[in-house]
Amino acid sequence: MNKTISFAVGAGVLLALAFSLGVIPNVSNAMGQTEPTPYPSREKTLSVSGQATTFVEPDRLNVNFGVEVQKATAKDALEENTSRMNEVIDAIKSTGISEDEISTTQFTIYPVYESYQEKETGIYRQRLTGYSVSNMISVKTSKLNLASDIIDSAVKAYVNRVDNVWFSLSEKKQQQVNDDLLAEAISNAKSKADKALAPLNYSVIGVKHVSLSDSGYYPPPIPVYAARDMGYAKEATPIFSSDQQVSATVSVVFLIGSD
């Protein structure tokens, strides 16, 4: 037992001596050497956003319309809807629209109920009165001058829903306009930075970061409610296009320095 205690005391003395002579490095000094306090960044920056906007003539016509039929049975409703839609498609094609420019946007078959009140109990209940079949299609074309012809021919061929008519830019033209606006938006950001820095005796000396974004604005679709009554006008339906507003926005972080 005395030998064990003597050995432990001896080891402790040697360890203390090692610390005092610097053989074993101080932990706090070692941490200070491996993790120096970083210097603050000496970069001076200025964040600025720039915008550019233009108005462009549209190159695409969009029309959404279709046929809705209600009959006592789902079979009868579907058969009549199919017959009417075939006539509608033929009428649209006769105006100069190809099948590639026509697509189905919605097709539904659903039961139709009506509410009634029982005389004996006064409770309101529902009873099945028939089935409704709705087939909606969309025409997207670059033939803007056919807007009136498409609508009028479709309504004459039993279309009873013309939901939306609007003009827009094709994907290719939209991208081209956006690309053209980027340089103007960046120039706008640079001009803002120069004007803001001039009173401070600073100027732009470089660019640290650039973020790009673009957006197009389209007028809301035009609903054509008159088509719902299955009648049609003797004169062509007046449809007018309008220029599309296209915008591009950039965010630039400039490096700045004193003059």
C-alpha atoms as a PDB file:
ATOM      1  CA  MET A   1       0.000   0.000   0.000  1.00  0.00           C
ATOM      2  CA  ASN A   2       2.857   2.447   0.830  1.00  0.00           C
ATOM      3  CA  LYS A   3       4.555   1.719  -2.524  1.00  0.00           C
ATOM      4  CA  THR A   4       1.400   2.602  -4.445  1.00  0.00           C
ATOM      5  CA  ILE A   5       0.975   5.938  -2.685  1.00  0.00           C
ATOM      6  CA  SER A   6       4.647   6.790  -3.202  1.00  0.00           C
ATOM      7  CA  PHE A   7       4.372   6.055  -6.935  1.00  0.00           C
ATOM      8  CA  ALA A   8       1.282   8.282  -7.330  1.00  0.00           C
ATOM      9  CA  VAL A   9       2.945  11.140  -5.472  1.00  0.00           C
ATOM     10  CA  GLY A  10       6.039  10.794  -7.603  1.00  0.00           C
ATOM     11  CA  ALA A  11       4.034  10.857 -10.849  1.00  0.00           C
ATOM     12  CA  GLY A  12       2.243  14.004  -9.741  1.00  0.00           C
ATOM     13  CA  VAL A  13       5.527  15.767  -9.004  1.00  0.00           C
ATOM     14  CA  LEU A  14       6.928  14.843 -12.409  1.00  0.00           C
ATOM     15  CA  LEU A  15       3.758  16.109 -14.187  1.00  0.00           C
ATOM     16  CA  ALA A  16       3.887  19.435 -12.344  1.00  0.00           C
ATOM     17  CA  LEU A  17       7.574  19.777 -13.201  1.00  0.00           C
ATOM     18  CA  ALA A  18       6.838  19.113 -16.874  1.00  0.00           C
ATOM     19  CA  PHE A  19       4.252  21.916 -16.946  1.00  0.00           C
ATOM     20  CA  SER A  20       6.633  24.339 -15.267  1.00  0.00           C
ATOM     21  CA  LEU A  21       9.441  23.586 -17.728  1.00  0.00           C
ATOM     22  CA  GLY A  22       7.122  23.902 -20.757  1.00  0.00           C
ATOM     23  CA  VAL A  23       7.439  20.274 -21.840  1.00  0.00           C
ATOM     24  CA  ILE A  24       3.643  19.958 -21.926  1.00  0.00           C
ATOM     25  CA  PRO A  25       2.069  23.006 -23.673  1.00  0.00           C
ATOM     26  CA  ASN A  26      -0.547  25.033 -21.862  1.00  0.00           C
ATOM     27  CA  VAL A  27      -4.031  24.116 -23.246  1.00  0.00           C
ATOM     28  CA  SER A  28      -5.269  27.685 -23.343  1.00  0.00           C
ATOM     29  CA  ASN A  29      -2.147  28.831 -25.245  1.00  0.00           C
ATOM     30  CA  ALA A  30      -2.514  25.986 -27.734  1.00  0.00           C
ATOM     31  CA  MET A  31      -6.150  26.920 -28.443  1.00  0.00           C
ATOM     32  CA  GLY A  32      -5.171  30.546 -28.889  1.00  0.00           C
ATOM     33  CA  GLN A  33      -2.568  29.586 -31.500  1.00  0.00           C
ATOM     34  CA  THR A  34      -4.872  27.332 -33.559  1.00  0.00           C
ATOM     35  CA  GLU A  35      -7.959  29.584 -33.517  1.00  0.00           C
ATOM     36  CA  PRO A  36      -6.849  33.173 -34.055  1.00  0.00           C
ATOM     37  CA  THR A  37      -9.462  35.893 -33.940  1.00  0.00           C
ATOM     38  CA  PRO A  38     -10.421  36.677 -37.569  1.00  0.00           C
ATOM     39  CA  TYR A  39     -10.019  40.217 -38.868  1.00  0.00           C
ATOM     40  CA  PRO A  40     -13.196  41.962 -39.996  1.00  0.00           C
ATOM     41  CA  SER A  41     -13.690  42.164 -43.790  1.00  0.00           C
ATOM     42  CA  ARG A  42     -12.239  45.294 -45.316  1.00  0.00           C
ATOM     43  CA  GLU A  43     -14.590  45.106 -48.343  1.00  0.00           C
ATOM     44  CA  LYS A  44     -17.068  47.941 -48.696  1.00  0.00           C
ATOM     45  CA  THR A  45     -20.184  47.043 -50.682  1.00  0.00           C
ATOM     46  CA  LEU A  46     -23.434  48.614 -51.853  1.00  0.00           C
ATOM     47  CA  SER A  47     -26.533  46.589 -52.814  1.00  0.00           C
ATOM     48  CA  VAL A  48     -28.710  48.103 -55.559  1.00  0.00           C
ATOM     49  CA  SER A  49     -31.673  46.838 -57.581  1.00  0.00           C
ATOM     50  CA  GLY A  50     -32.243  47.845 -61.199  1.00  0.00           C
ATOM     51  CA  GLN A  51     -35.346  47.610 -63.355  1.00  0.00           C
ATOM     52  CA  ALA A  52     -36.217  47.782 -67.032  1.00  0.00           C
ATOM     53  CA  THR A  53     -39.678  47.655 -68.610  1.00  0.00           C
ATOM     54  CA  THR A  54     -41.001  47.597 -72.155  1.00  0.00           C
ATOM     55  CA  PHE A  55     -44.282  47.032 -73.997  1.00  0.00           C
ATOM     56  CA  VAL A  56     -44.361  44.389 -76.698  1.00  0.00           C
ATOM     57  CA  GLU A  57     -46.946  43.470 -79.295  1.00  0.00           C
ATOM     58  CA  PRO A  58     -48.362  39.983 -78.522  1.00  0.00           C
ATOM     59  CA  ASP A  59     -47.829  37.090 -80.886  1.00  0.00           C
ATOM     60  CA  ARG A  60     -50.223  34.490 -79.435  1.00  0.00           C
ATOM     61  CA  LEU A  61     -54.023  34.235 -79.211  1.00  0.00           C
ATOM     62  CA  ASN A  62     -55.582  32.069 -76.490  1.00  0.00           C
ATOM     63  CA  VAL A  63     -59.254  31.052 -76.447  1.00  0.00           C
ATOM     64  CA  ASN A  64     -60.880  28.688 -73.918  1.00  0.00           C
ATOM     65  CA  PHE A  65     -64.369  27.414 -74.701  1.00  0.00           C
ATOM     66  CA  GLY A  66     -66.466  24.268 -74.854  1.00  0.00           C
ATOM     67  CA  VAL A  67     -69.803  22.514 -74.710  1.00  0.00           C
ATOM     68  CA  GLU A  68     -71.830  21.659 -71.608  1.00  0.00           C
ATOM     69  CA  VAL A  69     -74.835  19.336 -71.932  1.00  0.00           C
ATOM     70  CA  GLN A  70     -77.304  18.075 -69.332  1.00  0.00           C
ATOM     71  CA  LYS A  71     -79.505  15.004 -69.898  1.00  0.00           C
ATOM     72  CA  ALA A  72     -81.443  12.485 -67.831  1.00  0.00           C
ATOM     73  CA  THR A  73     -78.716   9.852 -68.122  1.00  0.00           C
ATOM     74  CA  ALA A  74     -74.944  10.044 -68.312  1.00  0.00           C
ATOM     75  CA  LYS A  75     -75.010   8.078 -71.590  1.00  0.00           C
ATOM     76  CA  ASP A  76     -77.369  10.517 -73.303  1.00  0.00           C
ATOM     77  CA  ALA A  77     -75.410  13.531 -72.050  1.00  0.00           C
ATOM     78  CA  LEU A  78     -72.109  12.087 -73.254  1.00  0.00           C
ATOM     79  CA  GLU A  79     -73.452  11.173 -76.689  1.00  0.00           C
ATOM     80  CA  GLU A  80     -74.919  14.622 -77.316  1.00  0.00           C
ATOM     81  CA  ASN A  81     -71.817  16.365 -76.005  1.00  0.00           C
ATOM     82  CA  THR A  82     -69.592  14.280 -78.272  1.00  0.00           C
ATOM     83  CA  SER A  83     -71.745  15.050 -81.305  1.00  0.00           C
ATOM     84  CA  ARG A  84     -71.685  18.784 -80.609  1.00  0.00           C
ATOM     85  CA  MET A  85     -67.956  18.887 -79.911  1.00  0.00           C
ATOM     86  CA  ASN A  86     -67.175  17.165 -83.213  1.00  0.00           C
ATOM     87  CA  GLU A  87     -69.098  19.906 -85.013  1.00  0.00           C
ATOM     88  CA  VAL A  88     -67.263  22.541 -83.004  1.00  0.00           C
ATOM     89  CA  ILE A  89     -63.853  21.119 -83.904  1.00  0.00           C
ATOM     90  CA  ASP A  90     -64.777  21.004 -87.603  1.00  0.00           C
ATOM     91  CA  ALA A  91     -66.009  24.601 -87.457  1.00  0.00           C
ATOM     92  CA  ILE A  92     -62.794  25.794 -85.794  1.00  0.00           C
ATOM     93  CA  LYS A  93     -60.635  24.008 -88.354  1.00  0.00           C
ATOM     94  CA  SER A  94     -62.584  25.651 -91.163  1.00  0.00           C
ATOM     95  CA  THR A  95     -61.296  29.057 -90.009  1.00  0.00           C
ATOM     96  CA  GLY A  96     -57.680  28.010 -90.594  1.00  0.00           C
ATOM     97  CA  ILE A  97     -56.806  26.473 -87.221  1.00  0.00           C
ATOM     98  CA  SER A  98     -54.874  23.193 -87.280  1.00  0.00           C
ATOM     99  CA  GLU A  99     -55.455  20.261 -84.941  1.00  0.00           C
ATOM    100  CA  ASP A 100     -52.045  20.887 -83.329  1.00  0.00           C
ATOM    101  CA  GLU A 101     -53.345  24.245 -82.090  1.00  0.00           C
ATOM    102  CA  ILE A 102     -56.308  22.644 -80.269  1.00  0.00           C
ATOM    103  CA  SER A 103     -56.054  20.868 -76.914  1.00  0.00           C
ATOM    104  CA  THR A 104     -58.469  19.561 -74.267  1.00  0.00           C
ATOM    105  CA  THR A 105     -58.266  21.476 -70.982  1.00  0.00           C
ATOM    106  CA  GLN A 106     -61.104  19.834 -69.007  1.00  0.00           C
ATOM    107  CA  PHE A 107     -63.578  16.983 -69.366  1.00  0.00           C
ATOM    108  CA  THR A 108     -66.095  16.164 -66.623  1.00  0.00           C
ATOM    109  CA  ILE A 109     -69.206  14.034 -66.080  1.00  0.00           C
ATOM    110  CA  TYR A 110     -71.113  14.715 -62.878  1.00  0.00           C
ATOM    111  CA  PRO A 111     -74.618  14.148 -61.461  1.00  0.00           C
ATOM    112  CA  VAL A 112     -77.038  17.047 -61.086  1.00  0.00           C
ATOM    113  CA  TYR A 113     -79.294  17.273 -58.030  1.00  0.00           C
ATOM    114  CA  GLU A 114     -82.104  19.581 -57.009  1.00  0.00           C
ATOM    115  CA  SER A 115     -83.256  20.362 -53.493  1.00  0.00           C
ATOM    116  CA  TYR A 116     -86.866  19.950 -52.338  1.00  0.00           C
ATOM    117  CA  GLN A 117     -88.724  20.106 -49.036  1.00  0.00           C
ATOM    118  CA  GLU A 118     -90.884  17.268 -47.786  1.00  0.00           C
ATOM    119  CA  LYS A 119     -94.367  18.526 -46.959  1.00  0.00           C
ATOM    120  CA  GLU A 120     -94.853  16.058 -44.115  1.00  0.00           C
ATOM    121  CA  THR A 121     -91.564  16.613 -42.249  1.00  0.00           C
ATOM    122  CA  GLY A 122     -90.339  19.935 -43.627  1.00  0.00           C
ATOM    123  CA  ILE A 123     -86.916  18.356 -44.157  1.00  0.00           C
ATOM    124  CA  TYR A 124     -84.941  19.448 -47.197  1.00  0.00           C
ATOM    125  CA  ARG A 125     -83.675  16.610 -49.357  1.00  0.00           C
ATOM    126  CA  GLN A 126     -82.002  16.188 -52.731  1.00  0.00           C
ATOM    127  CA  ARG A 127     -83.035  14.148 -55.734  1.00  0.00           C
ATOM    128  CA  LEU A 128     -81.085  13.245 -58.862  1.00  0.00           C
ATOM    129  CA  THR A 129     -82.350  15.091 -61.944  1.00  0.00           C
ATOM    130  CA  GLY A 130     -79.758  14.109 -64.515  1.00  0.00           C
ATOM    131  CA  TYR A 131     -76.135  14.248 -65.554  1.00  0.00           C
ATOM    132  CA  SER A 132     -73.989  17.019 -66.966  1.00  0.00           C
ATOM    133  CA  VAL A 133     -71.082  16.525 -69.368  1.00  0.00           C
ATOM    134  CA  SER A 134     -68.631  19.379 -69.921  1.00  0.00           C
ATOM    135  CA  ASN A 135     -65.864  19.312 -72.508  1.00  0.00           C
ATOM    136  CA  MET A 136     -63.577  22.348 -72.559  1.00  0.00           C
ATOM    137  CA  ILE A 137     -60.887  22.968 -75.170  1.00  0.00           C
ATOM    138  CA  SER A 138     -58.198  25.574 -75.708  1.00  0.00           C
ATOM    139  CA  VAL A 139     -56.983  27.133 -78.939  1.00  0.00           C
ATOM    140  CA  LYS A 140     -53.477  28.616 -78.941  1.00  0.00           C
ATOM    141  CA  THR A 141     -52.396  30.156 -82.209  1.00  0.00           C
ATOM    142  CA  SER A 142     -50.190  32.849 -83.699  1.00  0.00           C
ATOM    143  CA  LYS A 143     -53.004  33.818 -86.100  1.00  0.00           C
ATOM    144  CA  LEU A 144     -54.252  36.765 -84.077  1.00  0.00           C
ATOM    145  CA  ASN A 145     -56.546  37.971 -86.855  1.00  0.00           C
ATOM    146  CA  LEU A 146     -58.698  34.836 -86.470  1.00  0.00           C
ATOM    147  CA  ALA A 147     -59.979  35.680 -82.980  1.00  0.00           C
ATOM    148  CA  SER A 148     -63.450  36.762 -84.100  1.00  0.00           C
ATOM    149  CA  ASP A 149     -63.767  33.951 -86.659  1.00  0.00           C
ATOM    150  CA  ILE A 150     -62.845  31.287 -84.093  1.00  0.00           C
ATOM    151  CA  ILE A 151     -65.382  32.505 -81.534  1.00  0.00           C
ATOM    152  CA  ASP A 152     -68.214  33.093 -84.000  1.00  0.00           C
ATOM    153  CA  SER A 153     -67.784  29.749 -85.784  1.00  0.00           C
ATOM    154  CA  ALA A 154     -67.563  27.863 -82.481  1.00  0.00           C
ATOM    155  CA  VAL A 155     -70.736  29.469 -81.098  1.00  0.00           C
ATOM    156  CA  LYS A 156     -72.627  28.726 -84.314  1.00  0.00           C
ATOM    157  CA  ALA A 157     -71.582  25.092 -83.889  1.00  0.00           C
ATOM    158  CA  TYR A 158     -73.232  24.719 -80.450  1.00  0.00           C
ATOM    159  CA  VAL A 159     -70.504  26.024 -78.153  1.00  0.00           C
ATOM    160  CA  ASN A 160     -72.313  27.385 -75.095  1.00  0.00           C
ATOM    161  CA  ARG A 161     -69.291  28.329 -72.986  1.00  0.00           C
ATOM    162  CA  VAL A 162     -66.605  30.791 -74.057  1.00  0.00           C
ATOM    163  CA  ASP A 163     -64.711  31.325 -70.828  1.00  0.00           C
ATOM    164  CA  ASN A 164     -61.576  33.275 -71.670  1.00  0.00           C
ATOM    165  CA  VAL A 165     -60.013  35.144 -74.560  1.00  0.00           C
ATOM    166  CA  TRP A 166     -56.591  36.753 -74.145  1.00  0.00           C
ATOM    167  CA  PHE A 167     -53.391  37.656 -75.958  1.00  0.00           C
ATOM    168  CA  SER A 168     -49.904  36.805 -74.751  1.00  0.00           C
ATOM    169  CA  LEU A 169     -46.307  36.303 -75.799  1.00  0.00           C
ATOM    170  CA  SER A 170     -44.972  32.985 -76.993  1.00  0.00           C
ATOM    171  CA  GLU A 171     -42.231  31.406 -74.883  1.00  0.00           C
ATOM    172  CA  LYS A 172     -39.589  32.220 -77.508  1.00  0.00           C
ATOM    173  CA  LYS A 173     -40.538  35.897 -77.765  1.00  0.00           C
ATOM    174  CA  GLN A 174     -40.870  36.227 -73.982  1.00  0.00           C
ATOM    175  CA  GLN A 175     -37.323  34.922 -73.478  1.00  0.00           C
ATOM    176  CA  GLN A 176     -35.927  37.159 -76.222  1.00  0.00           C
ATOM    177  CA  VAL A 177     -37.487  40.282 -74.709  1.00  0.00           C
ATOM    178  CA  ASN A 178     -36.277  39.338 -71.214  1.00  0.00           C
ATOM    179  CA  ASP A 179     -32.714  38.866 -72.446  1.00  0.00           C
ATOM    180  CA  ASP A 180     -32.784  42.248 -74.156  1.00  0.00           C
ATOM    181  CA  LEU A 181     -33.947  43.925 -70.937  1.00  0.00           C
ATOM    182  CA  LEU A 182     -31.205  42.528 -68.685  1.00  0.00           C
ATOM    183  CA  ALA A 183     -28.458  44.875 -69.910  1.00  0.00           C
ATOM    184  CA  GLU A 184     -30.792  47.844 -69.458  1.00  0.00           C
ATOM    185  CA  ALA A 185     -31.692  46.729 -65.919  1.00  0.00           C
ATOM    186  CA  ILE A 186     -28.018  46.365 -64.962  1.00  0.00           C
ATOM    187  CA  SER A 187     -27.276  49.825 -66.384  1.00  0.00           C
ATOM    188  CA  ASN A 188     -30.125  51.166 -64.270  1.00  0.00           C
ATOM    189  CA  ALA A 189     -28.589  49.587 -61.143  1.00  0.00           C
ATOM    190  CA  LYS A 190     -25.150  51.067 -61.968  1.00  0.00           C
ATOM    191  CA  SER A 191     -26.671  54.507 -62.498  1.00  0.00           C
ATOM    192  CA  LYS A 192     -28.428  54.345 -59.122  1.00  0.00           C
ATOM    193  CA  ALA A 193     -25.180  53.320 -57.407  1.00  0.00           C
ATOM    194  CA  ASP A 194     -23.208  56.160 -59.006  1.00  0.00           C
ATOM    195  CA  LYS A 195     -25.791  58.757 -57.961  1.00  0.00           C
ATOM    196  CA  ALA A 196     -25.956  57.432 -54.397  1.00  0.00           C
ATOM    197  CA  LEU A 197     -22.150  57.343 -53.957  1.00  0.00           C
ATOM    198  CA  ALA A 198     -21.281  60.714 -55.496  1.00  0.00           C
ATOM    199  CA  PRO A 199     -22.174  62.825 -52.408  1.00  0.00           C
ATOM    200  CA  LEU A 200     -20.160  60.418 -50.228  1.00  0.00           C
ATOM    201  CA  ASN A 201     -16.974  60.714 -52.332  1.00  0.00           C
ATOM    202  CA  TYR A 202     -17.150  57.006 -53.150  1.00  0.00           C
ATOM    203  CA  SER A 203     -17.334  55.197 -56.477  1.00  0.00           C
ATOM    204  CA  VAL A 204     -17.935  51.695 -57.839  1.00  0.00           C
ATOM    205  CA  ILE A 205     -14.695  49.725 -58.214  1.00  0.00           C
ATOM    206  CA  GLY A 206     -16.085  46.260 -58.924  1.00  0.00           C
ATOM    207  CA  VAL A 207     -18.970  43.790 -58.703  1.00  0.00           C
ATOM    208  CA  LYS A 208     -19.300  41.122 -56.027  1.00  0.00           C
ATOM    209  CA  HIS A 209     -22.659  39.523 -56.869  1.00  0.00           C
ATOM    210  CA  VAL A 210     -25.441  39.745 -59.472  1.00  0.00           C
ATOM    211  CA  SER A 211     -28.921  38.223 -59.190  1.00  0.00           C
ATOM    212  CA  LEU A 212     -31.312  38.235 -62.188  1.00  0.00           C
ATOM    213  CA  SER A 213     -35.078  37.920 -62.358  1.00  0.00           C
ATOM    214  CA  ASP A 214     -37.693  38.597 -64.995  1.00  0.00           C
ATOM    215  CA  SER A 215     -41.461  38.688 -65.230  1.00  0.00           C
ATOM    216  CA  GLY A 216     -44.140  39.298 -67.812  1.00  0.00           C
ATOM    217  CA  TYR A 217     -47.490  40.891 -67.245  1.00  0.00           C
ATOM    218  CA  TYR A 218     -50.516  39.834 -69.206  1.00  0.00           C
ATOM    219  CA  PRO A 219     -53.914  41.520 -69.133  1.00  0.00           C
ATOM    220  CA  PRO A 220     -56.592  39.389 -67.443  1.00  0.00           C
ATOM    221  CA  PRO A 221     -58.532  37.028 -69.740  1.00  0.00           C
ATOM    222  CA  ILE A 222     -61.696  38.426 -71.269  1.00  0.00           C
ATOM    223  CA  PRO A 223     -64.820  36.390 -70.391  1.00  0.00           C
ATOM    224  CA  VAL A 224     -67.370  36.190 -73.210  1.00  0.00           C
ATOM    225  CA  TYR A 225     -70.650  35.574 -71.419  1.00  0.00           C
ATOM    226  CA  ALA A 226     -72.873  36.182 -74.449  1.00  0.00           C
ATOM    227  CA  ALA A 227     -71.927  32.804 -75.878  1.00  0.00           C
ATOM    228  CA  ARG A 228     -73.811  30.907 -73.156  1.00  0.00           C
ATOM    229  CA  ASP A 229     -77.274  31.399 -74.627  1.00  0.00           C
ATOM    230  CA  MET A 230     -76.501  29.337 -77.755  1.00  0.00           C
ATOM    231  CA  GLY A 231     -77.233  32.334 -79.940  1.00  0.00           C
ATOM    232  CA  TYR A 232     -74.743  34.259 -82.042  1.00  0.00           C
ATOM    233  CA  ALA A 233     -74.342  37.758 -83.387  1.00  0.00           C
ATOM    234  CA  LYS A 234     -74.943  38.560 -87.037  1.00  0.00           C
ATOM    235  CA  GLU A 235     -71.805  40.700 -87.070  1.00  0.00           C
ATOM    236  CA  ALA A 236     -68.277  39.564 -86.215  1.00  0.00           C
ATOM    237  CA  THR A 237     -67.436  39.677 -82.525  1.00  0.00           C
ATOM    238  CA  PRO A 238     -65.006  42.579 -81.921  1.00  0.00           C
ATOM    239  CA  ILE A 239     -61.830  41.341 -80.218  1.00  0.00           C
ATOM    240  CA  PHE A 240     -58.864  43.677 -79.737  1.00  0.00           C
ATOM    241  CA  SER A 241     -55.325  42.845 -78.652  1.00  0.00           C
ATOM    242  CA  SER A 242     -53.161  45.020 -76.410  1.00  0.00           C
ATOM    243  CA  ASP A 243     -49.407  45.362 -75.934  1.00  0.00           C
ATOM    244  CA  GLN A 244     -47.872  43.208 -73.223  1.00  0.00           C
ATOM    245  CA  GLN A 245     -45.790  44.701 -70.419  1.00  0.00           C
ATOM    246  CA  VAL A 246     -42.543  42.815 -69.808  1.00  0.00           C
ATOM    247  CA  SER A 247     -40.154  43.643 -66.959  1.00  0.00           C
ATOM    248  CA  ALA A 248     -36.716  42.534 -65.820  1.00  0.00           C
ATOM    249  CA  THR A 249     -35.162  43.133 -62.395  1.00  0.00           C
ATOM    250  CA  VAL A 250     -31.569  42.673 -61.247  1.00  0.00           C
ATOM    251  CA  SER A 251     -29.933  42.905 -57.844  1.00  0.00           C
ATOM    252  CA  VAL A 252     -26.263  43.890 -57.889  1.00  0.00           C
ATOM    253  CA  VAL A 253     -23.789  44.044 -54.999  1.00  0.00           C
ATOM    254  CA  PHE A 254     -21.108  46.559 -56.005  1.00  0.00           C
ATOM    255  CA  LEU A 255     -17.632  46.845 -54.491  1.00  0.00           C
ATOM    256  CA  ILE A 256     -16.991  50.477 -53.651  1.00  0.00           C
ATOM    257  CA  GLY A 257     -13.989  52.581 -52.702  1.00  0.00           C
ATOM    258  CA  SER A 258     -13.251  56.155 -51.718  1.00  0.00           C
ATOM    259  CA  ASP A 259     -12.226  58.625 -54.409  1.00  0.00           C
END
